[in-house]
Amino acid sequence: MSGPGAPPVGAAVCVADNLPRVRVRDTKDHSKGELTAAPTAWAAFTAFARACAV
């Protein structure tokens, strides 16, 4: 992905999906907090991202 709003090269997130809630955070900068989602919502988001080639 490139262009305005694209993540910097080497950007990555850590996803913990083995908990009651899916937790996502920046791999390198933990001070940015984390995103949490219900497993069903996370599954819908990732399916959408795959379908749209995001």
C-alpha atoms as a PDB file:
ATOM      1  CA  MET A   1       0.000   0.000   0.000  1.00  0.00           C
ATOM      2  CA  SER A   2       1.330   3.442  -0.822  1.00  0.00           C
ATOM      3  CA  GLY A   3       0.123   7.002  -0.925  1.00  0.00           C
ATOM      4  CA  PRO A   4      -1.351   9.395   1.621  1.00  0.00           C
ATOM      5  CA  GLY A   5      -2.440   7.653   4.782  1.00  0.00           C
ATOM      6  CA  ALA A   6      -0.399   4.537   4.032  1.00  0.00           C
ATOM      7  CA  PRO A   7       1.496   3.031   6.950  1.00  0.00           C
ATOM      8  CA  PRO A   8       5.259   3.595   6.980  1.00  0.00           C
ATOM      9  CA  VAL A   9       7.455   0.892   5.486  1.00  0.00           C
ATOM     10  CA  GLY A  10       8.135  -1.725   8.151  1.00  0.00           C
ATOM     11  CA  ALA A  11       4.971  -0.882  10.102  1.00  0.00           C
ATOM     12  CA  ALA A  12       3.455  -3.851  11.887  1.00  0.00           C
ATOM     13  CA  VAL A  13       0.820  -4.697  14.456  1.00  0.00           C
ATOM     14  CA  CYS A  14       0.581  -7.457  17.030  1.00  0.00           C
ATOM     15  CA  VAL A  15      -2.742  -9.332  17.160  1.00  0.00           C
ATOM     16  CA  ALA A  16      -3.761 -11.506  20.119  1.00  0.00           C
ATOM     17  CA  ASP A  17      -6.781 -13.500  19.021  1.00  0.00           C
ATOM     18  CA  ASN A  18      -6.686 -16.259  21.630  1.00  0.00           C
ATOM     19  CA  LEU A  19      -8.459 -14.204  24.304  1.00  0.00           C
ATOM     20  CA  PRO A  20     -12.140 -13.407  24.924  1.00  0.00           C
ATOM     21  CA  ARG A  21     -11.495 -10.136  23.029  1.00  0.00           C
ATOM     22  CA  VAL A  22      -9.138  -9.654  20.083  1.00  0.00           C
ATOM     23  CA  ARG A  23      -6.405  -7.159  21.011  1.00  0.00           C
ATOM     24  CA  VAL A  24      -4.378  -5.241  18.396  1.00  0.00           C
ATOM     25  CA  ARG A  25      -1.473  -2.894  19.086  1.00  0.00           C
ATOM     26  CA  ASP A  26       1.504  -1.300  17.367  1.00  0.00           C
ATOM     27  CA  THR A  27       4.427  -3.722  17.521  1.00  0.00           C
ATOM     28  CA  LYS A  28       7.047  -1.063  18.242  1.00  0.00           C
ATOM     29  CA  ASP A  29       5.213   1.769  20.025  1.00  0.00           C
ATOM     30  CA  HIS A  30       3.092   0.381  22.858  1.00  0.00           C
ATOM     31  CA  SER A  31       2.328   3.910  24.096  1.00  0.00           C
ATOM     32  CA  LYS A  32      -0.250   4.289  21.309  1.00  0.00           C
ATOM     33  CA  GLY A  33      -2.648   2.015  23.174  1.00  0.00           C
ATOM     34  CA  GLU A  34      -4.563  -0.874  21.702  1.00  0.00           C
ATOM     35  CA  LEU A  35      -7.707  -1.701  19.800  1.00  0.00           C
ATOM     36  CA  THR A  36     -10.022  -4.385  21.151  1.00  0.00           C
ATOM     37  CA  ALA A  37     -12.849  -6.108  19.320  1.00  0.00           C
ATOM     38  CA  ALA A  38     -15.210  -9.035  19.722  1.00  0.00           C
ATOM     39  CA  PRO A  39     -13.963 -12.076  17.793  1.00  0.00           C
ATOM     40  CA  THR A  40     -16.967 -11.936  15.437  1.00  0.00           C
ATOM     41  CA  ALA A  41     -16.326  -8.261  14.670  1.00  0.00           C
ATOM     42  CA  TRP A  42     -12.619  -8.961  14.055  1.00  0.00           C
ATOM     43  CA  ALA A  43     -13.499 -11.839  11.710  1.00  0.00           C
ATOM     44  CA  ALA A  44     -15.865  -9.574   9.760  1.00  0.00           C
ATOM     45  CA  PHE A  45     -13.202  -6.836   9.551  1.00  0.00           C
ATOM     46  CA  THR A  46     -10.471  -9.199   8.308  1.00  0.00           C
ATOM     47  CA  ALA A  47     -12.867 -10.777   5.772  1.00  0.00           C
ATOM     48  CA  PHE A  48     -13.709  -7.288   4.489  1.00  0.00           C
ATOM     49  CA  ALA A  49     -10.026  -6.338   4.310  1.00  0.00           C
ATOM     50  CA  ARG A  50      -9.199  -9.496   2.337  1.00  0.00           C
ATOM     51  CA  ALA A  51     -12.129  -9.003  -0.044  1.00  0.00           C
ATOM     52  CA  CYS A  52     -11.187  -5.379  -0.690  1.00  0.00           C
ATOM     53  CA  ALA A  53      -7.438  -6.106  -0.851  1.00  0.00           C
ATOM     54  CA  VAL A  54      -6.809  -3.480   1.817  1.00  0.00           C
END
